[in-house]
Amino acid sequence: MRSTAACEIVILEGPESVADAAERVAGASGDLSQVMRRMAENARAGVIADKAEDIALAAGRERTLYQAVKDFRLAARSTLGKAE
């Protein structure tokens, strides 16, 4: 199952707290993907002017995605009664 399909199932069928966390993961993933696509396009075109800025932006978005995934896992564990 694609991750976007899994996210849609959680949003449609899951409790609100887990659905909200899933939406944050999807948003953070999309934000990181956008930067990575631009970086790949610039690399193919030989554009290096924004490389350092894009690397820093990608790193920040990666951290945001990592935190969103952690929050999703915590919300899912809590809903399943397996909170630590």
C-alpha atoms as a PDB file:
ATOM      1  CA  MET A   1       0.000   0.000   0.000  1.00  0.00           C
ATOM      2  CA  ARG A   2       1.338   3.433  -0.906  1.00  0.00           C
ATOM      3  CA  SER A   3       1.994   5.740   2.012  1.00  0.00           C
ATOM      4  CA  THR A   4      -0.459   8.306   0.632  1.00  0.00           C
ATOM      5  CA  ALA A   5      -3.182   5.656   0.489  1.00  0.00           C
ATOM      6  CA  ALA A   6      -2.392   4.574   4.042  1.00  0.00           C
ATOM      7  CA  CYS A   7      -2.541   8.203   5.172  1.00  0.00           C
ATOM      8  CA  GLU A   8      -5.947   8.656   3.538  1.00  0.00           C
ATOM      9  CA  ILE A   9      -7.288   5.584   5.343  1.00  0.00           C
ATOM     10  CA  VAL A  10      -6.060   6.937   8.682  1.00  0.00           C
ATOM     11  CA  ILE A  11      -7.594  10.337   7.953  1.00  0.00           C
ATOM     12  CA  LEU A  12     -10.927   8.822   6.910  1.00  0.00           C
ATOM     13  CA  GLU A  13     -11.220   6.045   9.470  1.00  0.00           C
ATOM     14  CA  GLY A  14      -8.904   6.868  12.345  1.00  0.00           C
ATOM     15  CA  PRO A  15      -9.513   8.966  15.419  1.00  0.00           C
ATOM     16  CA  GLU A  16      -9.001  12.704  15.020  1.00  0.00           C
ATOM     17  CA  SER A  17      -5.744  12.815  16.992  1.00  0.00           C
ATOM     18  CA  VAL A  18      -4.139  10.179  14.773  1.00  0.00           C
ATOM     19  CA  ALA A  19      -5.617  11.696  11.613  1.00  0.00           C
ATOM     20  CA  ASP A  20      -4.187  15.099  12.501  1.00  0.00           C
ATOM     21  CA  ALA A  21      -0.770  13.540  13.108  1.00  0.00           C
ATOM     22  CA  ALA A  22      -0.989  11.677   9.773  1.00  0.00           C
ATOM     23  CA  GLU A  23      -1.823  14.914   7.971  1.00  0.00           C
ATOM     24  CA  ARG A  24       1.241  16.574   9.525  1.00  0.00           C
ATOM     25  CA  VAL A  25       3.411  13.682   8.286  1.00  0.00           C
ATOM     26  CA  ALA A  26       1.952  13.985   4.792  1.00  0.00           C
ATOM     27  CA  GLY A  27       2.507  17.745   4.754  1.00  0.00           C
ATOM     28  CA  ALA A  28       6.065  17.508   6.055  1.00  0.00           C
ATOM     29  CA  SER A  29       6.853  14.769   3.546  1.00  0.00           C
ATOM     30  CA  GLY A  30       5.507  16.876   0.697  1.00  0.00           C
ATOM     31  CA  ASP A  31       7.515  19.892   1.843  1.00  0.00           C
ATOM     32  CA  LEU A  32      10.730  17.872   1.908  1.00  0.00           C
ATOM     33  CA  SER A  33       9.956  16.277  -1.462  1.00  0.00           C
ATOM     34  CA  GLN A  34       9.445  19.702  -3.012  1.00  0.00           C
ATOM     35  CA  VAL A  35      12.909  20.854  -1.947  1.00  0.00           C
ATOM     36  CA  MET A  36      14.529  17.588  -3.015  1.00  0.00           C
ATOM     37  CA  ARG A  37      12.898  17.777  -6.459  1.00  0.00           C
ATOM     38  CA  ARG A  38      14.160  21.336  -6.906  1.00  0.00           C
ATOM     39  CA  MET A  39      17.644  20.277  -5.831  1.00  0.00           C
ATOM     40  CA  ALA A  40      17.625  17.404  -8.328  1.00  0.00           C
ATOM     41  CA  GLU A  41      16.395  19.674 -11.135  1.00  0.00           C
ATOM     42  CA  ASN A  42      19.055  22.262 -10.317  1.00  0.00           C
ATOM     43  CA  ALA A  43      21.761  19.595 -10.236  1.00  0.00           C
ATOM     44  CA  ARG A  44      20.717  18.285 -13.647  1.00  0.00           C
ATOM     45  CA  ALA A  45      20.748  21.846 -15.008  1.00  0.00           C
ATOM     46  CA  GLY A  46      24.103  22.632 -13.408  1.00  0.00           C
ATOM     47  CA  VAL A  47      22.617  25.382 -11.225  1.00  0.00           C
ATOM     48  CA  ILE A  48      24.593  25.725  -8.014  1.00  0.00           C
ATOM     49  CA  ALA A  49      23.673  29.236  -6.873  1.00  0.00           C
ATOM     50  CA  ASP A  50      21.133  28.060  -4.273  1.00  0.00           C
ATOM     51  CA  LYS A  51      22.788  24.768  -3.338  1.00  0.00           C
ATOM     52  CA  ALA A  52      23.891  25.689   0.209  1.00  0.00           C
ATOM     53  CA  GLU A  53      20.555  27.313   0.990  1.00  0.00           C
ATOM     54  CA  ASP A  54      18.652  24.300  -0.372  1.00  0.00           C
ATOM     55  CA  ILE A  55      20.788  21.881   1.640  1.00  0.00           C
ATOM     56  CA  ALA A  56      20.010  23.819   4.817  1.00  0.00           C
ATOM     57  CA  LEU A  57      16.312  24.004   3.918  1.00  0.00           C
ATOM     58  CA  ALA A  58      16.191  20.266   3.197  1.00  0.00           C
ATOM     59  CA  ALA A  59      17.875  19.508   6.520  1.00  0.00           C
ATOM     60  CA  GLY A  60      15.295  21.588   8.361  1.00  0.00           C
ATOM     61  CA  ARG A  61      12.427  19.936   6.544  1.00  0.00           C
ATOM     62  CA  GLU A  62      13.933  16.520   7.239  1.00  0.00           C
ATOM     63  CA  ARG A  63      13.961  17.330  10.970  1.00  0.00           C
ATOM     64  CA  THR A  64      10.345  18.502  10.734  1.00  0.00           C
ATOM     65  CA  LEU A  65       9.351  15.262   9.011  1.00  0.00           C
ATOM     66  CA  TYR A  66      11.224  13.180  11.587  1.00  0.00           C
ATOM     67  CA  GLN A  67       9.368  14.946  14.416  1.00  0.00           C
ATOM     68  CA  ALA A  68       6.020  14.558  12.628  1.00  0.00           C
ATOM     69  CA  VAL A  69       6.629  10.806  12.288  1.00  0.00           C
ATOM     70  CA  LYS A  70       7.554  10.569  15.979  1.00  0.00           C
ATOM     71  CA  ASP A  71       4.363  12.438  16.895  1.00  0.00           C
ATOM     72  CA  PHE A  72       2.297  10.157  14.646  1.00  0.00           C
ATOM     73  CA  ARG A  73       3.752   7.052  16.255  1.00  0.00           C
ATOM     74  CA  LEU A  74       3.019   8.407  19.718  1.00  0.00           C
ATOM     75  CA  ALA A  75      -0.560   9.277  18.762  1.00  0.00           C
ATOM     76  CA  ALA A  76      -1.072   5.836  17.222  1.00  0.00           C
ATOM     77  CA  ARG A  77       0.422   4.051  20.257  1.00  0.00           C
ATOM     78  CA  SER A  78      -1.762   6.084  22.607  1.00  0.00           C
ATOM     79  CA  THR A  79      -4.860   5.235  20.591  1.00  0.00           C
ATOM     80  CA  LEU A  80      -3.944   1.556  20.602  1.00  0.00           C
ATOM     81  CA  GLY A  81      -3.307   1.649  24.349  1.00  0.00           C
ATOM     82  CA  LYS A  82       0.422   1.051  23.974  1.00  0.00           C
ATOM     83  CA  ALA A  83       1.787   4.395  25.123  1.00  0.00           C
ATOM     84  CA  GLU A  84       5.213   4.315  26.704  1.00  0.00           C
END
